């Protein structure tokens, strides 16, 4: 079993190489605009869980995951050519909803800011900064 540091290096390298493979080598139109958000590899190096997202959003998630599953043999072979491991882990693809959730949170925060501006209230962050300036 690899150490935690080596495991992290393997995951980072897999994420970097996977991004290049998806961008330059996979010609399936279903996986266009897909990006890798995270890669986790189990301690025995049997499985690599690959979390992906897309600009198109969750509407195309099933189609994208199907395209990735169909191309997983090619992707795994391409990874094995770039990363020096005795055995390349089996690839499992999952949809990552984190970017969509982050967008939702950002939009809610923007709405709150707009409401405060309409009411003429100062945001707590700005009022703290102004108090610090007054102390000086």
Protein backbone atom coordinates (compact mmCIF):
# COMPACT_ATOMS: atom_id res chain seq x y z
CA UNK A 1 0.00 0.00 0.00
CA UNK A 2 1.30 3.44 -0.88
CA UNK A 3 1.80 6.12 1.74
CA UNK A 4 -0.71 8.96 2.01
CA UNK A 5 1.70 11.33 0.27
CA UNK A 6 2.24 8.94 -2.65
CA UNK A 7 -1.49 8.30 -2.91
CA UNK A 8 -2.14 12.06 -3.10
CA UNK A 9 0.52 12.40 -5.83
CA UNK A 10 -1.07 9.57 -7.82
CA UNK A 11 -4.50 11.19 -7.53
CA UNK A 12 -3.20 14.61 -8.60
CA UNK A 13 -1.31 13.14 -11.55
CA UNK A 14 -4.36 11.11 -12.62
CA UNK A 15 -6.54 14.22 -12.50
CA UNK A 16 -4.07 16.21 -14.58
CA UNK A 17 -3.60 13.46 -17.20
CA UNK A 18 -7.34 12.65 -17.32
CA UNK A 19 -8.13 16.29 -18.07
CA UNK A 20 -5.68 16.24 -20.98
CA UNK A 21 -7.04 12.94 -22.30
CA UNK A 22 -10.66 14.13 -22.17
CA UNK A 23 -9.76 17.40 -23.83
CA UNK A 24 -7.47 16.13 -26.59
CA UNK A 25 -7.94 12.41 -27.23
CA UNK A 26 -11.54 11.35 -26.58
CA UNK A 27 -13.62 12.13 -29.67
CA UNK A 28 -17.04 11.19 -28.29
CA UNK A 29 -19.35 14.22 -28.64
CA UNK A 30 -21.11 13.23 -25.41
CA UNK A 31 -18.02 14.10 -23.35
CA UNK A 32 -17.26 17.49 -24.87
CA UNK A 33 -16.93 20.20 -22.24
CA UNK A 34 -16.45 17.70 -19.41
CA UNK A 35 -13.88 18.48 -16.75
CA UNK A 36 -12.51 16.42 -13.89
CA UNK A 37 -13.27 17.93 -10.50
CA UNK A 38 -11.68 15.26 -8.29
CA UNK A 39 -10.02 11.85 -8.34
CA UNK A 40 -9.83 9.48 -5.40
CA UNK A 41 -7.93 6.21 -5.48
CA UNK A 42 -8.40 3.51 -2.87
CA UNK A 43 -5.38 2.38 -0.84
CA UNK A 44 -5.01 -0.91 -2.74
CA UNK A 45 -5.01 0.98 -6.08
CA UNK A 46 -7.89 -1.20 -7.30
CA UNK A 47 -10.37 1.57 -8.11
CA UNK A 48 -10.17 5.20 -9.09
CA UNK A 49 -13.33 7.22 -8.47
CA UNK A 50 -13.40 10.07 -10.96
CA UNK A 51 -15.75 12.96 -10.30
CA UNK A 52 -16.71 14.99 -13.36
CA UNK A 53 -18.86 17.98 -14.15
CA UNK A 54 -19.77 19.86 -17.28
CA UNK A 55 -20.64 23.29 -18.50
CA UNK A 56 -23.97 21.89 -19.72
CA UNK A 57 -24.92 20.98 -16.15
CA UNK A 58 -26.90 18.13 -14.69
CA UNK A 59 -29.29 17.93 -17.66
CA UNK A 60 -26.70 15.97 -19.66
CA UNK A 61 -25.20 14.03 -16.72
CA UNK A 62 -26.53 10.59 -17.66
CA UNK A 63 -25.45 10.95 -21.27
CA UNK A 64 -21.99 12.17 -20.25
CA UNK A 65 -21.48 9.35 -17.73
CA UNK A 66 -22.56 6.82 -20.39
CA UNK A 67 -20.04 8.27 -22.85
CA UNK A 68 -17.28 8.12 -20.23
CA UNK A 69 -18.17 4.52 -19.37
CA UNK A 70 -17.99 3.57 -23.05
CA UNK A 71 -14.60 5.25 -23.38
CA UNK A 72 -13.23 3.97 -20.05
CA UNK A 73 -11.11 1.24 -21.67
CA UNK A 74 -9.39 3.74 -23.95
CA UNK A 75 -9.03 6.26 -21.11
CA UNK A 76 -7.54 3.63 -18.80
CA UNK A 77 -5.07 2.54 -21.50
CA UNK A 78 -4.07 6.16 -22.18
CA UNK A 79 -3.59 6.73 -18.46
CA UNK A 80 -1.37 3.66 -18.20
CA UNK A 81 0.85 5.09 -20.95
CA UNK A 82 1.36 8.31 -18.97
CA UNK A 83 1.42 7.14 -15.34
CA UNK A 84 3.92 4.56 -14.16
CA UNK A 85 1.94 2.11 -12.01
CA UNK A 86 2.23 -1.65 -11.95
CA UNK A 87 -1.54 -2.03 -12.37
CA UNK A 88 -3.82 0.80 -13.47
CA UNK A 89 -6.91 1.10 -11.23
CA UNK A 90 -10.35 0.41 -12.70
CA UNK A 91 -12.09 3.68 -13.47
CA UNK A 92 -15.48 4.59 -12.03
CA UNK A 93 -17.11 7.84 -13.09
CA UNK A 94 -19.46 9.88 -10.88
CA UNK A 95 -21.28 13.15 -11.43
CA UNK A 96 -20.05 15.95 -9.15
CA UNK A 97 -22.78 18.40 -8.19
CA UNK A 98 -20.41 20.71 -6.30
CA UNK A 99 -20.08 23.35 -9.09
CA UNK A 100 -23.88 23.57 -9.46
CA UNK A 101 -24.34 23.88 -5.69
CA UNK A 102 -21.67 26.59 -5.56
CA UNK A 103 -23.48 28.52 -8.33
CA UNK A 104 -26.73 28.23 -6.39
CA UNK A 105 -25.09 29.55 -3.21
CA UNK A 106 -23.51 32.43 -5.16
CA UNK A 107 -26.88 33.38 -6.66
CA UNK A 108 -28.53 33.33 -3.20
CA UNK A 109 -25.79 35.54 -1.79
CA UNK A 110 -26.16 37.94 -4.71
CA UNK A 111 -29.92 38.13 -4.06
CA UNK A 112 -29.27 38.93 -0.40
CA UNK A 113 -26.82 41.66 -1.35
CA UNK A 114 -29.35 43.18 -3.76
CA UNK A 115 -32.09 43.13 -1.11
CA UNK A 116 -29.80 44.86 1.38
CA UNK A 117 -28.84 47.49 -1.17
CA UNK A 118 -32.53 48.13 -1.93
CA UNK A 119 -33.24 48.58 1.77
CA UNK A 120 -30.20 50.82 2.13
CA UNK A 121 -28.55 48.58 4.71
CA UNK A 122 -24.82 48.21 4.97
CA UNK A 123 -23.48 44.68 4.81
CA UNK A 124 -21.90 43.47 8.07
CA UNK A 125 -18.56 43.01 6.35
CA UNK A 126 -18.45 46.58 5.08
CA UNK A 127 -19.50 48.01 8.46
CA UNK A 128 -16.69 46.10 10.22
CA UNK A 129 -14.16 47.48 7.73
CA UNK A 130 -15.47 51.02 8.26
CA UNK A 131 -15.18 50.65 12.05
CA UNK A 132 -11.55 49.56 11.66
CA UNK A 133 -10.84 52.60 9.50
CA UNK A 134 -12.49 54.90 12.06
CA UNK A 135 -10.24 53.52 14.83
CA UNK A 136 -7.13 54.51 12.94
